[in-house]
Amino acid sequence: MKITALLATATALAATALLTACTTGARTPPSAPAPGAYADVNGLHMYYEIHGTPSSAPPLVLLHGALSGIGTDFGQLIPELAKTRQVIAIEQQAHGHTADIDRPLREEQMAADTVALLHSIGIQRADLLGYSMGAGIALQITVTHPELVHKQILAAGSLDENGLRPGLLDGIAGLQPEMLHGTTFHNDYLKNAPRPQDFPQLVSRIREHDTTAMPRFPIAAVRAATAPTLTVIGDSDVIRLDHALEMFRAFGGDIQGDTPAGLPKAQLAILPGTSHLSLVHRPELLLPIISAFLSNTTTQSIA
């Protein structure tokens, strides 16, 4: 469901995906920077940030992509999103300020960690915005904990590996840490990670996940989801456009809205001139779409 790192090979493509060692003598993890905090869940010392103040709207939970973190993916969105609602951004195992532990990366586990963290800080109902790998985590939460999810936004995610463009997983299989040196992913990791020397382990976890354990969501489970869903994709994404349409249909979209029944609870947005990597860096396109979807409380019907 997520799409991991889209970056460079020696031959000119830069093709890996965004949708995941340990050494002895590691330094003591630093205290959380403001407005960050840590929660101990499922054996993980998990980092999160809270922005904005509680309002009548559910809090919005941000779930980042693979190899990334809060600031890397959502730094341009959080200041505006937090003006109207509380925003809770979470960093998953081995990413950002959250150190790795001895277990592979799996959507099921990352979703369980996220749910445990939200419950630990008193959140019983929330909107979710997941990008790339985070979209897979969001959908896993929606499928397994429907009572927690008010609305969900799945940005640049897929239901299974068939949603990826041909050849993408072959590129990921050859991903090496040095291919990412000098990128924002690597620089942010060195700046934020409790153990900066673990970057090769993060790349190894992503490579193992994407080549052996891509999530597969049964279409019946997707169709049974009750949370209104906005599917977002770039017009030049690593996710196939026809797959995004399949997702939209699975959530109840692609119907005629000019009837007494009105519009469906599902929405689809295709961002023009947008790739997988650039999707979360288009605030001028994303913010109005997110705001309209989250604030909509009715479906349209004809007179």
C-alpha atoms as a PDB file:
ATOM      1  CA  MET A   1       0.000   0.000   0.000  1.00  0.00           C
ATOM      2  CA  LYS A   2       2.578   2.510   0.542  1.00  0.00           C
ATOM      3  CA  ILE A   3       5.259   3.151  -1.881  1.00  0.00           C
ATOM      4  CA  THR A   4       8.762   3.381  -0.617  1.00  0.00           C
ATOM      5  CA  ALA A   5      11.680   5.395  -1.842  1.00  0.00           C
ATOM      6  CA  LEU A   6      11.929   6.739  -5.378  1.00  0.00           C
ATOM      7  CA  LEU A   7      15.540   7.525  -5.773  1.00  0.00           C
ATOM      8  CA  ALA A   8      18.634   6.962  -7.745  1.00  0.00           C
ATOM      9  CA  THR A   9      20.456   4.203  -9.521  1.00  0.00           C
ATOM     10  CA  ALA A  10      23.780   4.531 -11.258  1.00  0.00           C
ATOM     11  CA  THR A  11      22.111   4.468 -14.675  1.00  0.00           C
ATOM     12  CA  ALA A  12      20.210   7.719 -14.716  1.00  0.00           C
ATOM     13  CA  LEU A  13      16.806   6.729 -13.454  1.00  0.00           C
ATOM     14  CA  ALA A  14      16.567   7.541  -9.751  1.00  0.00           C
ATOM     15  CA  ALA A  15      13.998   4.905  -9.389  1.00  0.00           C
ATOM     16  CA  THR A  16      13.356   3.442  -6.023  1.00  0.00           C
ATOM     17  CA  ALA A  17      10.171   4.093  -4.089  1.00  0.00           C
ATOM     18  CA  LEU A  18       8.977   6.125  -1.158  1.00  0.00           C
ATOM     19  CA  LEU A  19       6.220   3.708   0.208  1.00  0.00           C
ATOM     20  CA  THR A  20      11.550   0.472   4.755  1.00  0.00           C
ATOM     21  CA  ALA A  21      23.502  -2.696  11.890  1.00  0.00           C
ATOM     22  CA  CYS A  22      22.375  -1.549  14.981  1.00  0.00           C
ATOM     23  CA  THR A  23      25.853  -0.860  16.403  1.00  0.00           C
ATOM     24  CA  THR A  24      26.990  -1.055  19.975  1.00  0.00           C
ATOM     25  CA  GLY A  25      28.009   1.975  21.931  1.00  0.00           C
ATOM     26  CA  ALA A  26      25.195   4.127  20.526  1.00  0.00           C
ATOM     27  CA  ARG A  27      24.719   7.476  22.121  1.00  0.00           C
ATOM     28  CA  THR A  28      21.852   8.093  24.539  1.00  0.00           C
ATOM     29  CA  PRO A  29      18.719   9.149  22.646  1.00  0.00           C
ATOM     30  CA  PRO A  30      18.116  12.876  22.992  1.00  0.00           C
ATOM     31  CA  SER A  31      15.056  14.268  24.689  1.00  0.00           C
ATOM     32  CA  ALA A  32      12.170  15.068  22.395  1.00  0.00           C
ATOM     33  CA  PRO A  33      12.325  18.492  20.745  1.00  0.00           C
ATOM     34  CA  ALA A  34       9.372  20.818  21.228  1.00  0.00           C
ATOM     35  CA  PRO A  35       6.581  20.140  20.408  1.00  0.00           C
ATOM     36  CA  GLY A  36       7.637  16.491  20.353  1.00  0.00           C
ATOM     37  CA  ALA A  37       7.095  13.745  22.903  1.00  0.00           C
ATOM     38  CA  TYR A  38       7.582   9.998  23.239  1.00  0.00           C
ATOM     39  CA  ALA A  39       5.198   7.175  24.113  1.00  0.00           C
ATOM     40  CA  ASP A  40       6.297   3.657  25.003  1.00  0.00           C
ATOM     41  CA  VAL A  41       4.105   1.258  23.027  1.00  0.00           C
ATOM     42  CA  ASN A  42       4.634  -2.380  22.040  1.00  0.00           C
ATOM     43  CA  GLY A  43       8.305  -2.242  23.009  1.00  0.00           C
ATOM     44  CA  LEU A  44       8.873   0.884  20.915  1.00  0.00           C
ATOM     45  CA  HIS A  45       9.917   4.338  22.160  1.00  0.00           C
ATOM     46  CA  MET A  46       7.705   6.121  19.633  1.00  0.00           C
ATOM     47  CA  TYR A  47       8.012   9.795  18.751  1.00  0.00           C
ATOM     48  CA  TYR A  48       5.083  12.087  18.015  1.00  0.00           C
ATOM     49  CA  GLU A  49       4.263  15.781  17.802  1.00  0.00           C
ATOM     50  CA  ILE A  50       1.092  17.702  18.590  1.00  0.00           C
ATOM     51  CA  HIS A  51       0.399  20.956  16.776  1.00  0.00           C
ATOM     52  CA  GLY A  52      -2.555  23.290  17.150  1.00  0.00           C
ATOM     53  CA  THR A  53      -5.249  23.085  19.785  1.00  0.00           C
ATOM     54  CA  PRO A  54      -8.243  20.777  20.233  1.00  0.00           C
ATOM     55  CA  SER A  55     -11.403  21.877  18.456  1.00  0.00           C
ATOM     56  CA  SER A  56     -14.835  20.501  17.718  1.00  0.00           C
ATOM     57  CA  ALA A  57     -13.308  18.615  14.779  1.00  0.00           C
ATOM     58  CA  PRO A  58     -11.487  15.312  15.341  1.00  0.00           C
ATOM     59  CA  PRO A  59      -7.708  15.594  15.482  1.00  0.00           C
ATOM     60  CA  LEU A  60      -5.872  14.934  12.227  1.00  0.00           C
ATOM     61  CA  VAL A  61      -3.216  12.198  12.429  1.00  0.00           C
ATOM     62  CA  LEU A  62      -0.343  12.429   9.931  1.00  0.00           C
ATOM     63  CA  LEU A  63       1.442   9.230   8.855  1.00  0.00           C
ATOM     64  CA  HIS A  64       4.651   9.692   6.840  1.00  0.00           C
ATOM     65  CA  GLY A  65       6.172   7.680   4.010  1.00  0.00           C
ATOM     66  CA  ALA A  66       9.078   5.239   3.997  1.00  0.00           C
ATOM     67  CA  LEU A  67      12.603   6.511   4.731  1.00  0.00           C
ATOM     68  CA  SER A  68      11.031   9.767   5.820  1.00  0.00           C
ATOM     69  CA  GLY A  69       9.655  11.587   8.854  1.00  0.00           C
ATOM     70  CA  ILE A  70       7.323  14.312  10.025  1.00  0.00           C
ATOM     71  CA  GLY A  71       9.249  17.326   8.830  1.00  0.00           C
ATOM     72  CA  THR A  72      10.431  15.706   5.612  1.00  0.00           C
ATOM     73  CA  ASP A  73       6.903  14.916   4.414  1.00  0.00           C
ATOM     74  CA  PHE A  74       4.628  17.329   6.249  1.00  0.00           C
ATOM     75  CA  GLY A  75       6.750  20.364   7.074  1.00  0.00           C
ATOM     76  CA  GLN A  76       4.945  22.521   4.510  1.00  0.00           C
ATOM     77  CA  LEU A  77       1.464  21.323   5.504  1.00  0.00           C
ATOM     78  CA  ILE A  78       1.444  21.325   9.303  1.00  0.00           C
ATOM     79  CA  PRO A  79       1.510  25.120   9.880  1.00  0.00           C
ATOM     80  CA  GLU A  80      -1.674  25.601   7.851  1.00  0.00           C
ATOM     81  CA  LEU A  81      -3.440  22.433   8.973  1.00  0.00           C
ATOM     82  CA  ALA A  82      -2.836  23.321  12.637  1.00  0.00           C
ATOM     83  CA  LYS A  83      -4.616  26.662  12.268  1.00  0.00           C
ATOM     84  CA  THR A  84      -8.038  25.019  12.329  1.00  0.00           C
ATOM     85  CA  ARG A  85      -7.602  21.723  14.190  1.00  0.00           C
ATOM     86  CA  GLN A  86      -5.284  19.711  16.352  1.00  0.00           C
ATOM     87  CA  VAL A  87      -2.665  17.828  14.326  1.00  0.00           C
ATOM     88  CA  ILE A  88      -0.883  14.734  15.655  1.00  0.00           C
ATOM     89  CA  ALA A  89       2.126  13.610  13.603  1.00  0.00           C
ATOM     90  CA  ILE A  90       3.763  10.249  14.346  1.00  0.00           C
ATOM     91  CA  GLU A  91       7.115   8.728  13.381  1.00  0.00           C
ATOM     92  CA  GLN A  92       7.163   4.978  12.864  1.00  0.00           C
ATOM     93  CA  GLN A  93       9.703   2.356  13.882  1.00  0.00           C
ATOM     94  CA  ALA A  94      13.218   3.131  12.584  1.00  0.00           C
ATOM     95  CA  HIS A  95      12.113   6.475  11.119  1.00  0.00           C
ATOM     96  CA  GLY A  96      12.934   9.996  12.245  1.00  0.00           C
ATOM     97  CA  HIS A  97      13.208  10.335  16.010  1.00  0.00           C
ATOM     98  CA  THR A  98      11.937   6.787  16.636  1.00  0.00           C
ATOM     99  CA  ALA A  99      14.762   4.278  16.991  1.00  0.00           C
ATOM    100  CA  ASP A 100      14.615   0.825  15.425  1.00  0.00           C
ATOM    101  CA  ILE A 101      13.925  -2.339  17.409  1.00  0.00           C
ATOM    102  CA  ASP A 102      14.409  -6.016  16.589  1.00  0.00           C
ATOM    103  CA  ARG A 103      11.442  -6.726  14.329  1.00  0.00           C
ATOM    104  CA  PRO A 104      10.698  -6.254  10.622  1.00  0.00           C
ATOM    105  CA  LEU A 105       8.598  -3.413   9.271  1.00  0.00           C
ATOM    106  CA  ARG A 106       5.029  -4.461   8.598  1.00  0.00           C
ATOM    107  CA  GLU A 107       1.885  -2.383   8.107  1.00  0.00           C
ATOM    108  CA  GLU A 108       0.014  -4.475  10.638  1.00  0.00           C
ATOM    109  CA  GLN A 109       2.571  -3.752  13.359  1.00  0.00           C
ATOM    110  CA  MET A 110       2.987  -0.075  12.495  1.00  0.00           C
ATOM    111  CA  ALA A 111      -0.788   0.337  12.563  1.00  0.00           C
ATOM    112  CA  ALA A 112      -0.947  -1.388  15.953  1.00  0.00           C
ATOM    113  CA  ASP A 113       1.804   0.911  17.262  1.00  0.00           C
ATOM    114  CA  THR A 114      -0.067   3.967  15.992  1.00  0.00           C
ATOM    115  CA  VAL A 115      -3.357   2.896  17.555  1.00  0.00           C
ATOM    116  CA  ALA A 116      -1.635   2.167  20.871  1.00  0.00           C
ATOM    117  CA  LEU A 117       0.017   5.592  20.850  1.00  0.00           C
ATOM    118  CA  LEU A 118      -3.257   7.373  20.094  1.00  0.00           C
ATOM    119  CA  HIS A 119      -5.030   5.511  22.863  1.00  0.00           C
ATOM    120  CA  SER A 120      -2.191   6.310  25.273  1.00  0.00           C
ATOM    121  CA  ILE A 121      -2.748  10.053  24.758  1.00  0.00           C
ATOM    122  CA  GLY A 122      -6.536   9.779  24.996  1.00  0.00           C
ATOM    123  CA  ILE A 123      -7.502   9.857  21.294  1.00  0.00           C
ATOM    124  CA  GLN A 124     -10.539   7.684  20.579  1.00  0.00           C
ATOM    125  CA  ARG A 125     -11.599   9.148  17.225  1.00  0.00           C
ATOM    126  CA  ALA A 126      -9.509  10.852  14.551  1.00  0.00           C
ATOM    127  CA  ASP A 127      -9.085  11.715  10.894  1.00  0.00           C
ATOM    128  CA  LEU A 128      -6.104  10.066   9.192  1.00  0.00           C
ATOM    129  CA  LEU A 129      -3.822  11.393   6.457  1.00  0.00           C
ATOM    130  CA  GLY A 130      -1.344   8.784   5.290  1.00  0.00           C
ATOM    131  CA  TYR A 131       1.223   9.307   2.554  1.00  0.00           C
ATOM    132  CA  SER A 132       2.895   6.450   0.634  1.00  0.00           C
ATOM    133  CA  MET A 133       3.806   3.882   3.312  1.00  0.00           C
ATOM    134  CA  GLY A 134       1.639   5.923   5.675  1.00  0.00           C
ATOM    135  CA  ALA A 135      -1.353   5.366   3.406  1.00  0.00           C
ATOM    136  CA  GLY A 136      -0.965   1.637   3.989  1.00  0.00           C
ATOM    137  CA  ILE A 137      -0.808   2.205   7.734  1.00  0.00           C
ATOM    138  CA  ALA A 138      -3.913   4.406   7.609  1.00  0.00           C
ATOM    139  CA  LEU A 139      -5.908   1.846   5.647  1.00  0.00           C
ATOM    140  CA  GLN A 140      -4.781  -0.936   7.980  1.00  0.00           C
ATOM    141  CA  ILE A 141      -6.104   1.088  10.921  1.00  0.00           C
ATOM    142  CA  THR A 142      -9.377   1.745   9.096  1.00  0.00           C
ATOM    143  CA  VAL A 143      -9.843  -1.953   8.360  1.00  0.00           C
ATOM    144  CA  THR A 144      -8.916  -3.229  11.831  1.00  0.00           C
ATOM    145  CA  HIS A 145     -10.107  -0.339  14.038  1.00  0.00           C
ATOM    146  CA  PRO A 146     -13.032   1.285  12.206  1.00  0.00           C
ATOM    147  CA  GLU A 147     -14.273   2.825  15.450  1.00  0.00           C
ATOM    148  CA  LEU A 148     -11.152   5.000  15.582  1.00  0.00           C
ATOM    149  CA  VAL A 149     -11.383   6.497  12.083  1.00  0.00           C
ATOM    150  CA  HIS A 150     -13.706   9.380  11.275  1.00  0.00           C
ATOM    151  CA  LYS A 151     -12.310  10.096   7.768  1.00  0.00           C
ATOM    152  CA  GLN A 152      -9.200   8.982   5.932  1.00  0.00           C
ATOM    153  CA  ILE A 153      -7.000  10.506   3.225  1.00  0.00           C
ATOM    154  CA  LEU A 154      -4.855   8.013   1.330  1.00  0.00           C
ATOM    155  CA  ALA A 155      -2.163   9.889  -0.581  1.00  0.00           C
ATOM    156  CA  ALA A 156      -0.063   7.985  -3.130  1.00  0.00           C
ATOM    157  CA  GLY A 157      -0.970   4.574  -1.740  1.00  0.00           C
ATOM    158  CA  SER A 158      -2.092   1.298  -3.289  1.00  0.00           C
ATOM    159  CA  LEU A 159      -4.088  -1.761  -2.307  1.00  0.00           C
ATOM    160  CA  ASP A 160      -1.286  -4.150  -3.290  1.00  0.00           C
ATOM    161  CA  GLU A 161       1.859  -4.393  -5.403  1.00  0.00           C
ATOM    162  CA  ASN A 162      -0.221  -4.479  -8.573  1.00  0.00           C
ATOM    163  CA  GLY A 163      -0.894  -0.786  -8.059  1.00  0.00           C
ATOM    164  CA  LEU A 164       2.772   0.043  -8.762  1.00  0.00           C
ATOM    165  CA  ARG A 165       4.183   0.843 -12.160  1.00  0.00           C
ATOM    166  CA  PRO A 166       5.967  -2.111 -13.801  1.00  0.00           C
ATOM    167  CA  GLY A 167       9.601  -2.506 -12.840  1.00  0.00           C
ATOM    168  CA  LEU A 168       9.442  -0.375  -9.715  1.00  0.00           C
ATOM    169  CA  LEU A 169      10.033  -3.238  -7.291  1.00  0.00           C
ATOM    170  CA  ASP A 170      13.056  -4.327  -9.326  1.00  0.00           C
ATOM    171  CA  GLY A 171      14.584  -0.936  -8.656  1.00  0.00           C
ATOM    172  CA  ILE A 172      13.872  -1.198  -4.948  1.00  0.00           C
ATOM    173  CA  ALA A 173      15.557  -4.608  -4.789  1.00  0.00           C
ATOM    174  CA  GLY A 174      18.824  -2.903  -5.738  1.00  0.00           C
ATOM    175  CA  LEU A 175      18.488   0.042  -3.369  1.00  0.00           C
ATOM    176  CA  GLN A 176      21.677   0.715  -1.381  1.00  0.00           C
ATOM    177  CA  PRO A 177      22.182   3.274   1.420  1.00  0.00           C
ATOM    178  CA  GLU A 178      24.829   5.229  -0.480  1.00  0.00           C
ATOM    179  CA  MET A 179      22.330   5.902  -3.284  1.00  0.00           C
ATOM    180  CA  LEU A 180      20.454   8.121  -0.834  1.00  0.00           C
ATOM    181  CA  HIS A 181      23.431  10.003   0.588  1.00  0.00           C
ATOM    182  CA  GLY A 182      22.945  13.737   0.181  1.00  0.00           C
ATOM    183  CA  THR A 183      19.163  13.451  -0.208  1.00  0.00           C
ATOM    184  CA  THR A 184      16.662  15.006   2.172  1.00  0.00           C
ATOM    185  CA  PHE A 185      15.868  11.531   3.491  1.00  0.00           C
ATOM    186  CA  HIS A 186      19.464  10.904   4.515  1.00  0.00           C
ATOM    187  CA  ASN A 187      20.148  14.423   5.787  1.00  0.00           C
ATOM    188  CA  ASP A 188      17.007  14.493   7.928  1.00  0.00           C
ATOM    189  CA  TYR A 189      17.783  11.054   9.317  1.00  0.00           C
ATOM    190  CA  LEU A 190      21.279  12.127  10.346  1.00  0.00           C
ATOM    191  CA  LYS A 191      19.813  15.193  12.023  1.00  0.00           C
ATOM    192  CA  ASN A 192      16.918  13.520  13.862  1.00  0.00           C
ATOM    193  CA  ALA A 193      17.622   9.837  14.477  1.00  0.00           C
ATOM    194  CA  PRO A 194      18.670   8.717  17.963  1.00  0.00           C
ATOM    195  CA  ARG A 195      21.267   6.489  16.259  1.00  0.00           C
ATOM    196  CA  PRO A 196      22.322   8.145  12.990  1.00  0.00           C
ATOM    197  CA  GLN A 197      24.579   5.194  12.184  1.00  0.00           C
ATOM    198  CA  ASP A 198      21.465   3.024  11.710  1.00  0.00           C
ATOM    199  CA  PHE A 199      20.584   4.496   8.308  1.00  0.00           C
ATOM    200  CA  PRO A 200      21.829   1.392   6.418  1.00  0.00           C
ATOM    201  CA  GLN A 201      19.550  -0.721   8.618  1.00  0.00           C
ATOM    202  CA  LEU A 202      16.548   1.452   7.755  1.00  0.00           C
ATOM    203  CA  VAL A 203      17.281   1.035   4.044  1.00  0.00           C
ATOM    204  CA  SER A 204      17.613  -2.726   4.546  1.00  0.00           C
ATOM    205  CA  ARG A 205      14.265  -2.860   6.341  1.00  0.00           C
ATOM    206  CA  ILE A 206      12.562  -0.925   3.540  1.00  0.00           C
ATOM    207  CA  ARG A 207      14.115  -3.125   0.878  1.00  0.00           C
ATOM    208  CA  GLU A 208      13.044  -6.302   2.695  1.00  0.00           C
ATOM    209  CA  HIS A 209       9.533  -4.982   3.229  1.00  0.00           C
ATOM    210  CA  ASP A 210       8.949  -3.920  -0.354  1.00  0.00           C
ATOM    211  CA  THR A 211      10.385  -6.991  -1.992  1.00  0.00           C
ATOM    212  CA  THR A 212       8.853  -9.624   0.324  1.00  0.00           C
ATOM    213  CA  ALA A 213       5.978  -8.160   2.346  1.00  0.00           C
ATOM    214  CA  MET A 214       4.044  -5.522   0.427  1.00  0.00           C
ATOM    215  CA  PRO A 215       0.587  -5.339   2.020  1.00  0.00           C
ATOM    216  CA  ARG A 216      -2.397  -6.751   0.181  1.00  0.00           C
ATOM    217  CA  PHE A 217      -5.807  -5.460   1.169  1.00  0.00           C
ATOM    218  CA  PRO A 218      -8.712  -7.730   0.186  1.00  0.00           C
ATOM    219  CA  ILE A 219     -11.198  -5.831  -1.920  1.00  0.00           C
ATOM    220  CA  ALA A 220     -14.040  -7.029   0.322  1.00  0.00           C
ATOM    221  CA  ALA A 221     -12.401  -5.400   3.355  1.00  0.00           C
ATOM    222  CA  VAL A 222     -11.889  -2.159   1.441  1.00  0.00           C
ATOM    223  CA  ARG A 223     -15.507  -2.084   0.276  1.00  0.00           C
ATOM    224  CA  ALA A 224     -16.639  -2.671   3.861  1.00  0.00           C
ATOM    225  CA  ALA A 225     -14.796   0.415   5.144  1.00  0.00           C
ATOM    226  CA  THR A 226     -17.269   2.926   6.540  1.00  0.00           C
ATOM    227  CA  ALA A 227     -14.978   5.955   6.833  1.00  0.00           C
ATOM    228  CA  PRO A 228     -15.321   8.522   4.019  1.00  0.00           C
ATOM    229  CA  THR A 229     -12.149   8.227   1.967  1.00  0.00           C
ATOM    230  CA  LEU A 230     -10.238  10.694  -0.187  1.00  0.00           C
ATOM    231  CA  THR A 231      -7.787   9.035  -2.572  1.00  0.00           C
ATOM    232  CA  VAL A 232      -5.026  11.394  -3.764  1.00  0.00           C
ATOM    233  CA  ILE A 233      -2.445  10.705  -6.448  1.00  0.00           C
ATOM    234  CA  GLY A 234      -0.041  12.669  -8.621  1.00  0.00           C
ATOM    235  CA  ASP A 235      -0.606  12.531 -12.373  1.00  0.00           C
ATOM    236  CA  SER A 236       2.987  11.274 -12.731  1.00  0.00           C
ATOM    237  CA  ASP A 237       3.022   9.049  -9.641  1.00  0.00           C
ATOM    238  CA  VAL A 238       4.581   5.624  -9.146  1.00  0.00           C
ATOM    239  CA  ILE A 239       1.020   4.471  -8.497  1.00  0.00           C
ATOM    240  CA  ARG A 240      -0.871   3.693 -11.680  1.00  0.00           C
ATOM    241  CA  LEU A 241      -3.705   6.112 -12.385  1.00  0.00           C
ATOM    242  CA  ASP A 242      -6.075   3.259 -13.183  1.00  0.00           C
ATOM    243  CA  HIS A 243      -5.287   1.716  -9.801  1.00  0.00           C
ATOM    244  CA  ALA A 244      -6.219   4.962  -8.036  1.00  0.00           C
ATOM    245  CA  LEU A 245      -9.526   4.789  -9.889  1.00  0.00           C
ATOM    246  CA  GLU A 246      -9.955   1.191  -8.709  1.00  0.00           C
ATOM    247  CA  MET A 247      -9.426   2.373  -5.135  1.00  0.00           C
ATOM    248  CA  PHE A 248     -11.917   5.208  -5.608  1.00  0.00           C
ATOM    249  CA  ARG A 249     -14.512   2.725  -6.863  1.00  0.00           C
ATOM    250  CA  ALA A 250     -13.812   0.278  -4.026  1.00  0.00           C
ATOM    251  CA  PHE A 251     -14.584   3.000  -1.484  1.00  0.00           C
ATOM    252  CA  GLY A 252     -17.899   3.737  -3.194  1.00  0.00           C
ATOM    253  CA  GLY A 253     -16.938   6.355  -5.761  1.00  0.00           C
ATOM    254  CA  ASP A 254     -17.385   6.681  -9.530  1.00  0.00           C
ATOM    255  CA  ILE A 255     -21.162   7.053  -9.473  1.00  0.00           C
ATOM    256  CA  GLN A 256     -23.468   9.746 -10.823  1.00  0.00           C
ATOM    257  CA  GLY A 257     -23.780  12.362  -8.099  1.00  0.00           C
ATOM    258  CA  ASP A 258     -26.628  14.357  -9.645  1.00  0.00           C
ATOM    259  CA  THR A 259     -29.342  12.155  -8.196  1.00  0.00           C
ATOM    260  CA  PRO A 260     -31.450  12.323  -5.036  1.00  0.00           C
ATOM    261  CA  ALA A 261     -28.871  10.074  -3.377  1.00  0.00           C
ATOM    262  CA  GLY A 262     -26.227  12.750  -3.901  1.00  0.00           C
ATOM    263  CA  LEU A 263     -22.467  12.392  -3.937  1.00  0.00           C
ATOM    264  CA  PRO A 264     -20.720   9.305  -2.539  1.00  0.00           C
ATOM    265  CA  LYS A 265     -18.631   9.331   0.630  1.00  0.00           C
ATOM    266  CA  ALA A 266     -15.541   8.657  -1.502  1.00  0.00           C
ATOM    267  CA  GLN A 267     -13.547  11.336  -3.329  1.00  0.00           C
ATOM    268  CA  LEU A 268     -10.672  11.238  -5.808  1.00  0.00           C
ATOM    269  CA  ALA A 269      -8.054  13.932  -6.460  1.00  0.00           C
ATOM    270  CA  ILE A 270      -5.384  13.776  -9.173  1.00  0.00           C
ATOM    271  CA  LEU A 271      -2.797  16.518  -8.735  1.00  0.00           C
ATOM    272  CA  PRO A 272      -1.502  17.963 -12.014  1.00  0.00           C
ATOM    273  CA  GLY A 273       2.213  18.145 -12.678  1.00  0.00           C
ATOM    274  CA  THR A 274       2.926  16.040  -9.596  1.00  0.00           C
ATOM    275  CA  SER A 275       5.156  13.017  -9.010  1.00  0.00           C
ATOM    276  CA  HIS A 276       5.212  10.622  -6.091  1.00  0.00           C
ATOM    277  CA  LEU A 277       8.020  12.450  -4.352  1.00  0.00           C
ATOM    278  CA  SER A 278       6.605  15.925  -4.941  1.00  0.00           C
ATOM    279  CA  LEU A 279       3.016  15.172  -3.891  1.00  0.00           C
ATOM    280  CA  VAL A 280       3.384  16.274  -0.263  1.00  0.00           C
ATOM    281  CA  HIS A 281       5.338  19.333  -1.397  1.00  0.00           C
ATOM    282  CA  ARG A 282       2.440  20.858  -3.297  1.00  0.00           C
ATOM    283  CA  PRO A 283       0.666  22.716  -0.447  1.00  0.00           C
ATOM    284  CA  GLU A 284      -1.012  25.089  -2.908  1.00  0.00           C
ATOM    285  CA  LEU A 285      -2.872  22.083  -4.366  1.00  0.00           C
ATOM    286  CA  LEU A 286      -3.170  19.791  -1.352  1.00  0.00           C
ATOM    287  CA  LEU A 287      -4.326  22.152   1.379  1.00  0.00           C
ATOM    288  CA  PRO A 288      -7.605  23.301  -0.258  1.00  0.00           C
ATOM    289  CA  ILE A 289      -8.473  19.691  -1.158  1.00  0.00           C
ATOM    290  CA  ILE A 290      -7.744  18.401   2.349  1.00  0.00           C
ATOM    291  CA  SER A 291      -9.663  21.231   3.994  1.00  0.00           C
ATOM    292  CA  ALA A 292     -12.712  20.774   1.767  1.00  0.00           C
ATOM    293  CA  PHE A 293     -12.811  17.021   2.337  1.00  0.00           C
ATOM    294  CA  LEU A 294     -12.392  17.165   6.096  1.00  0.00           C
ATOM    295  CA  SER A 295     -14.886  19.985   6.585  1.00  0.00           C
ATOM    296  CA  ASN A 296     -17.607  18.500   4.370  1.00  0.00           C
ATOM    297  CA  THR A 297     -20.440  17.143   6.513  1.00  0.00           C
ATOM    298  CA  THR A 298     -23.089  16.525   3.863  1.00  0.00           C
ATOM    299  CA  THR A 299     -23.456  14.978   0.449  1.00  0.00           C
ATOM    300  CA  GLN A 300     -24.819  16.977  -2.413  1.00  0.00           C
ATOM    301  CA  SER A 301     -28.208  16.136  -3.916  1.00  0.00           C
ATOM    302  CA  ILE A 302     -30.297  17.648  -6.651  1.00  0.00           C
ATOM    303  CA  ALA A 303     -33.337  19.753  -5.844  1.00  0.00           C
END
